[in-house]
Each structure stands twice: as structure tokens, then as C-alpha cells.
Amino acid sequence: MKIKVYQINSKRDKKRIKFRGYDETVKAQDGLPLINRSIYDEVFSGEVECKTLSDIYVLLNYGRCPAEYKGHSLSVSDIIQTNGEFHFVDKVGFQKVEFTTLLD
């Protein structure tokens, strides 16, 4: 499966949402249900031997990360892109989201 992983860059995270769940993130963005792409960096793009988002989570936390992976262990507030869709890693499970640049 081809995926991309995005993680928040703390230097651009003015609202301090790194490692916060989806509901807290939306609240910090004045109720906007979009995820602000401008504070994220792409930390991986490539093929992985996974079939589900849960498989990706396990691989990037407990498995052998691909050598090209430049991020921390997959965690809450990270974004996984697969099949043209974006998924927010929430406290439990994943939320399908729109991932776009917002004005701060």
C-alpha cells in the first residue's frame, strides 16, 4: 500500500495541538473541521506491507519502520494519506479529514 505520513512541526504549531485528539484540534481551530496542513511536515512517502490503517499504526509504532521514515512513532494528531484520503490519528482510531492550508 502506498502511503504518506504527516506530523506537526512544533515550531509552526502556534495553537499547540500536537498530540491532541481530533475534537480538541477542531476546538482549537474555532470549530473548523479541517486540519491545517501548513503546520505539518511530510515525514514519509512510500510503499508499506499493510492493508489497513491499524496495520500502518502497528508498523510505525511496534514494527520495523522503513529506513526512509523520518518521523517519531505514529501518534495522535498525525495524518496518514492513502488512496487519496487523509486520516487523522485520533486518541482511539482514525478520523477521515480534509487536510488543507488554513489561515492562522
C-alpha atoms as a PDB file:
ATOM      1  CA  MET A   1       0.000   0.000   0.000  1.00  0.00           C
ATOM      2  CA  LYS A   2       1.341   3.471  -0.901  1.00  0.00           C
ATOM      3  CA  ILE A   3       1.086   5.953   1.972  1.00  0.00           C
ATOM      4  CA  LYS A   4       2.264   9.354   3.115  1.00  0.00           C
ATOM      5  CA  VAL A   5       2.612  10.360   6.758  1.00  0.00           C
ATOM      6  CA  TYR A   6       2.499  13.930   8.018  1.00  0.00           C
ATOM      7  CA  GLN A   7       3.427  15.143  11.504  1.00  0.00           C
ATOM      8  CA  ILE A   8       3.086  18.544  13.164  1.00  0.00           C
ATOM      9  CA  ASN A   9       6.153  20.759  13.169  1.00  0.00           C
ATOM     10  CA  SER A  10       6.254  22.178  16.712  1.00  0.00           C
ATOM     11  CA  LYS A  11       7.824  25.433  15.510  1.00  0.00           C
ATOM     12  CA  ARG A  12       4.735  26.213  13.397  1.00  0.00           C
ATOM     13  CA  ASP A  13       2.198  24.872  15.912  1.00  0.00           C
ATOM     14  CA  LYS A  14       1.039  28.196  17.386  1.00  0.00           C
ATOM     15  CA  LYS A  15      -2.112  26.647  18.872  1.00  0.00           C
ATOM     16  CA  ARG A  16      -0.196  23.745  20.464  1.00  0.00           C
ATOM     17  CA  ILE A  17      -2.318  20.965  19.056  1.00  0.00           C
ATOM     18  CA  LYS A  18       0.463  18.422  18.556  1.00  0.00           C
ATOM     19  CA  PHE A  19      -0.548  15.147  20.235  1.00  0.00           C
ATOM     20  CA  ARG A  20      -4.138  16.356  20.840  1.00  0.00           C
ATOM     21  CA  GLY A  21      -7.179  14.428  19.697  1.00  0.00           C
ATOM     22  CA  TYR A  22      -9.473  15.362  16.838  1.00  0.00           C
ATOM     23  CA  ASP A  23     -12.134  17.081  18.974  1.00  0.00           C
ATOM     24  CA  GLU A  24      -9.526  19.227  20.753  1.00  0.00           C
ATOM     25  CA  THR A  25      -7.932  20.121  17.421  1.00  0.00           C
ATOM     26  CA  VAL A  26     -11.244  21.242  15.930  1.00  0.00           C
ATOM     27  CA  LYS A  27     -11.992  23.282  19.054  1.00  0.00           C
ATOM     28  CA  ALA A  28      -8.553  24.971  18.867  1.00  0.00           C
ATOM     29  CA  GLN A  29      -9.325  25.899  15.257  1.00  0.00           C
ATOM     30  CA  ASP A  30     -12.525  27.729  16.268  1.00  0.00           C
ATOM     31  CA  GLY A  31     -14.698  24.767  15.307  1.00  0.00           C
ATOM     32  CA  LEU A  32     -13.310  24.351  11.790  1.00  0.00           C
ATOM     33  CA  PRO A  33     -13.410  20.633  10.937  1.00  0.00           C
ATOM     34  CA  LEU A  34     -10.411  20.972   8.608  1.00  0.00           C
ATOM     35  CA  ILE A  35      -6.883  20.009   9.566  1.00  0.00           C
ATOM     36  CA  ASN A  36      -4.358  22.786   8.960  1.00  0.00           C
ATOM     37  CA  ARG A  37      -1.788  21.378   6.554  1.00  0.00           C
ATOM     38  CA  SER A  38       0.541  24.381   6.923  1.00  0.00           C
ATOM     39  CA  ILE A  39       1.783  23.206  10.337  1.00  0.00           C
ATOM     40  CA  TYR A  40       2.589  19.667   9.154  1.00  0.00           C
ATOM     41  CA  ASP A  41       5.698  18.205   7.541  1.00  0.00           C
ATOM     42  CA  GLU A  42       5.707  15.120   5.357  1.00  0.00           C
ATOM     43  CA  VAL A  43       7.853  12.548   7.175  1.00  0.00           C
ATOM     44  CA  PHE A  44       7.310   9.551   4.911  1.00  0.00           C
ATOM     45  CA  SER A  45       6.169   8.694   1.413  1.00  0.00           C
ATOM     46  CA  GLY A  46       6.392   5.162   0.134  1.00  0.00           C
ATOM     47  CA  GLU A  47       5.125   1.604  -0.005  1.00  0.00           C
ATOM     48  CA  VAL A  48       4.422  -0.432   3.107  1.00  0.00           C
ATOM     49  CA  GLU A  49       3.270  -4.015   3.585  1.00  0.00           C
ATOM     50  CA  CYS A  50      -0.015  -3.061   5.233  1.00  0.00           C
ATOM     51  CA  LYS A  51      -3.690  -3.473   4.389  1.00  0.00           C
ATOM     52  CA  THR A  52      -5.381  -1.203   6.953  1.00  0.00           C
ATOM     53  CA  LEU A  53      -4.780   1.991   8.896  1.00  0.00           C
ATOM     54  CA  SER A  54      -4.406  -0.129  12.024  1.00  0.00           C
ATOM     55  CA  ASP A  55      -1.671  -2.141  10.296  1.00  0.00           C
ATOM     56  CA  ILE A  56       0.141   1.127   9.494  1.00  0.00           C
ATOM     57  CA  TYR A  57      -0.185   2.227  13.125  1.00  0.00           C
ATOM     58  CA  VAL A  58       1.329  -1.033  14.365  1.00  0.00           C
ATOM     59  CA  LEU A  59       4.159  -0.897  11.801  1.00  0.00           C
ATOM     60  CA  LEU A  60       5.138   2.675  12.672  1.00  0.00           C
ATOM     61  CA  ASN A  61       4.957   2.045  16.419  1.00  0.00           C
ATOM     62  CA  TYR A  62       5.975  -1.537  17.053  1.00  0.00           C
ATOM     63  CA  GLY A  63       7.312  -2.808  13.772  1.00  0.00           C
ATOM     64  CA  ARG A  64      10.305  -2.027  11.692  1.00  0.00           C
ATOM     65  CA  CYS A  65       9.876   1.455  10.267  1.00  0.00           C
ATOM     66  CA  PRO A  66      11.068   1.882   6.695  1.00  0.00           C
ATOM     67  CA  ALA A  67      14.563   3.402   6.506  1.00  0.00           C
ATOM     68  CA  GLU A  68      13.111   6.486   4.785  1.00  0.00           C
ATOM     69  CA  TYR A  69      10.741   7.201   7.699  1.00  0.00           C
ATOM     70  CA  LYS A  70      11.885  10.454   9.325  1.00  0.00           C
ATOM     71  CA  GLY A  71       9.239  10.975  11.998  1.00  0.00           C
ATOM     72  CA  HIS A  72       8.528   9.960  15.563  1.00  0.00           C
ATOM     73  CA  SER A  73       6.378   6.925  16.375  1.00  0.00           C
ATOM     74  CA  LEU A  74       2.947   7.369  14.816  1.00  0.00           C
ATOM     75  CA  SER A  75       0.820   9.200  17.349  1.00  0.00           C
ATOM     76  CA  VAL A  76      -2.302  11.261  17.976  1.00  0.00           C
ATOM     77  CA  SER A  77      -2.560  14.289  15.622  1.00  0.00           C
ATOM     78  CA  ASP A  78      -0.542  12.639  12.835  1.00  0.00           C
ATOM     79  CA  ILE A  79      -2.063  12.318   9.361  1.00  0.00           C
ATOM     80  CA  ILE A  80      -1.937   9.231   7.145  1.00  0.00           C
ATOM     81  CA  GLN A  81      -2.689   9.636   3.443  1.00  0.00           C
ATOM     82  CA  THR A  82      -3.719   6.598   1.464  1.00  0.00           C
ATOM     83  CA  ASN A  83      -5.863   6.106  -1.630  1.00  0.00           C
ATOM     84  CA  GLY A  84      -6.281   9.892  -1.968  1.00  0.00           C
ATOM     85  CA  GLU A  85      -7.831  10.195   1.506  1.00  0.00           C
ATOM     86  CA  PHE A  86      -6.459  11.714   4.690  1.00  0.00           C
ATOM     87  CA  HIS A  87      -6.918  10.147   8.120  1.00  0.00           C
ATOM     88  CA  PHE A  88      -6.232  11.860  11.451  1.00  0.00           C
ATOM     89  CA  VAL A  89      -4.765   9.542  14.090  1.00  0.00           C
ATOM     90  CA  ASP A  90      -7.154  10.108  16.996  1.00  0.00           C
ATOM     91  CA  LYS A  91      -6.985   9.016  20.639  1.00  0.00           C
ATOM     92  CA  VAL A  92      -8.854   5.883  19.607  1.00  0.00           C
ATOM     93  CA  GLY A  93      -8.975   5.024  15.938  1.00  0.00           C
ATOM     94  CA  PHE A  94      -8.854   7.334  12.947  1.00  0.00           C
ATOM     95  CA  GLN A  95     -10.951  10.211  11.605  1.00  0.00           C
ATOM     96  CA  LYS A  96     -11.272  10.804   7.866  1.00  0.00           C
ATOM     97  CA  VAL A  97     -10.478  14.504   7.405  1.00  0.00           C
ATOM     98  CA  GLU A  98      -9.956  17.310   4.942  1.00  0.00           C
ATOM     99  CA  PHE A  99      -6.306  18.320   5.015  1.00  0.00           C
ATOM    100  CA  THR A 100      -5.902  21.860   3.736  1.00  0.00           C
ATOM    101  CA  THR A 101      -3.948  25.049   4.377  1.00  0.00           C
ATOM    102  CA  LEU A 102      -5.812  27.394   6.733  1.00  0.00           C
ATOM    103  CA  LEU A 103      -5.039  30.977   7.556  1.00  0.00           C
ATOM    104  CA  ASP A 104      -3.918  31.357  11.185  1.00  0.00           C
END
